[in-house]
Amino acid sequence: MSVDGASRNPHADPLLCPRWCGPLKVISVFVDPTVVEVILRHLNITDPPVA
């Protein structure tokens, strides 16, 4: 599944499947900043979003 559509549309529901329009479930949460950095680096996302 691609998140490109959700990243372009700020009003997209992140818990609604863009393909099937059904609910998504959160299956994990990363809270360790080091792990998050490794994942973002792997995805070539260098600038973290501003909260």
Protein backbone atom coordinates (compact mmCIF):
# COMPACT_ATOMS: atom_id res chain seq x y z
CA MET A 1 0.00 0.00 0.00
CA SER A 2 1.29 3.43 -0.86
CA VAL A 3 0.91 6.46 1.38
CA ASP A 4 1.57 8.90 -1.45
CA GLY A 5 -2.08 9.89 -1.77
CA ALA A 6 -2.38 10.56 1.94
CA SER A 7 0.78 12.66 1.98
CA ARG A 8 -0.59 14.87 -0.81
CA ASN A 9 -4.01 15.28 0.78
CA PRO A 10 -3.81 16.77 4.28
CA HIS A 11 -7.49 15.93 4.84
CA ALA A 12 -7.10 12.20 4.14
CA ASP A 13 -8.03 9.91 7.02
CA PRO A 14 -4.84 7.99 7.96
CA LEU A 15 -6.92 5.17 9.44
CA LEU A 16 -9.01 4.59 6.30
CA CYS A 17 -7.67 2.29 3.60
CA PRO A 18 -7.39 4.35 0.39
CA ARG A 19 -7.82 1.23 -1.74
CA TRP A 20 -10.71 -0.55 -0.02
CA CYS A 21 -12.19 2.36 2.02
CA GLY A 22 -12.25 0.19 5.12
CA PRO A 23 -10.77 0.86 8.55
CA LEU A 24 -7.08 0.26 9.19
CA LYS A 25 -5.70 -1.02 12.48
CA VAL A 26 -2.59 0.22 14.24
CA ILE A 27 -0.42 -2.88 14.71
CA SER A 28 2.71 -1.26 16.13
CA VAL A 29 4.08 2.02 17.36
CA PHE A 30 7.72 3.06 17.30
CA VAL A 31 8.67 5.18 20.30
CA ASP A 32 12.47 4.84 20.28
CA PRO A 33 13.86 7.85 18.36
CA THR A 34 16.83 5.80 17.12
CA VAL A 35 14.53 3.22 15.52
CA VAL A 36 12.43 5.96 13.94
CA GLU A 37 15.57 7.59 12.49
CA VAL A 38 16.74 4.28 11.01
CA ILE A 39 13.36 3.68 9.37
CA LEU A 40 13.15 7.23 7.98
CA ARG A 41 16.71 7.02 6.66
CA HIS A 42 15.89 3.69 4.96
CA LEU A 43 12.87 5.36 3.29
CA ASN A 44 15.06 8.32 2.21
CA ILE A 45 13.02 10.72 4.32
CA THR A 46 15.62 13.16 5.59
CA ASP A 47 13.50 16.05 6.87
CA PRO A 48 11.18 15.07 9.72
CA PRO A 49 7.75 16.72 9.68
CA VAL A 50 7.31 19.76 11.86
CA ALA A 51 4.81 19.14 14.64
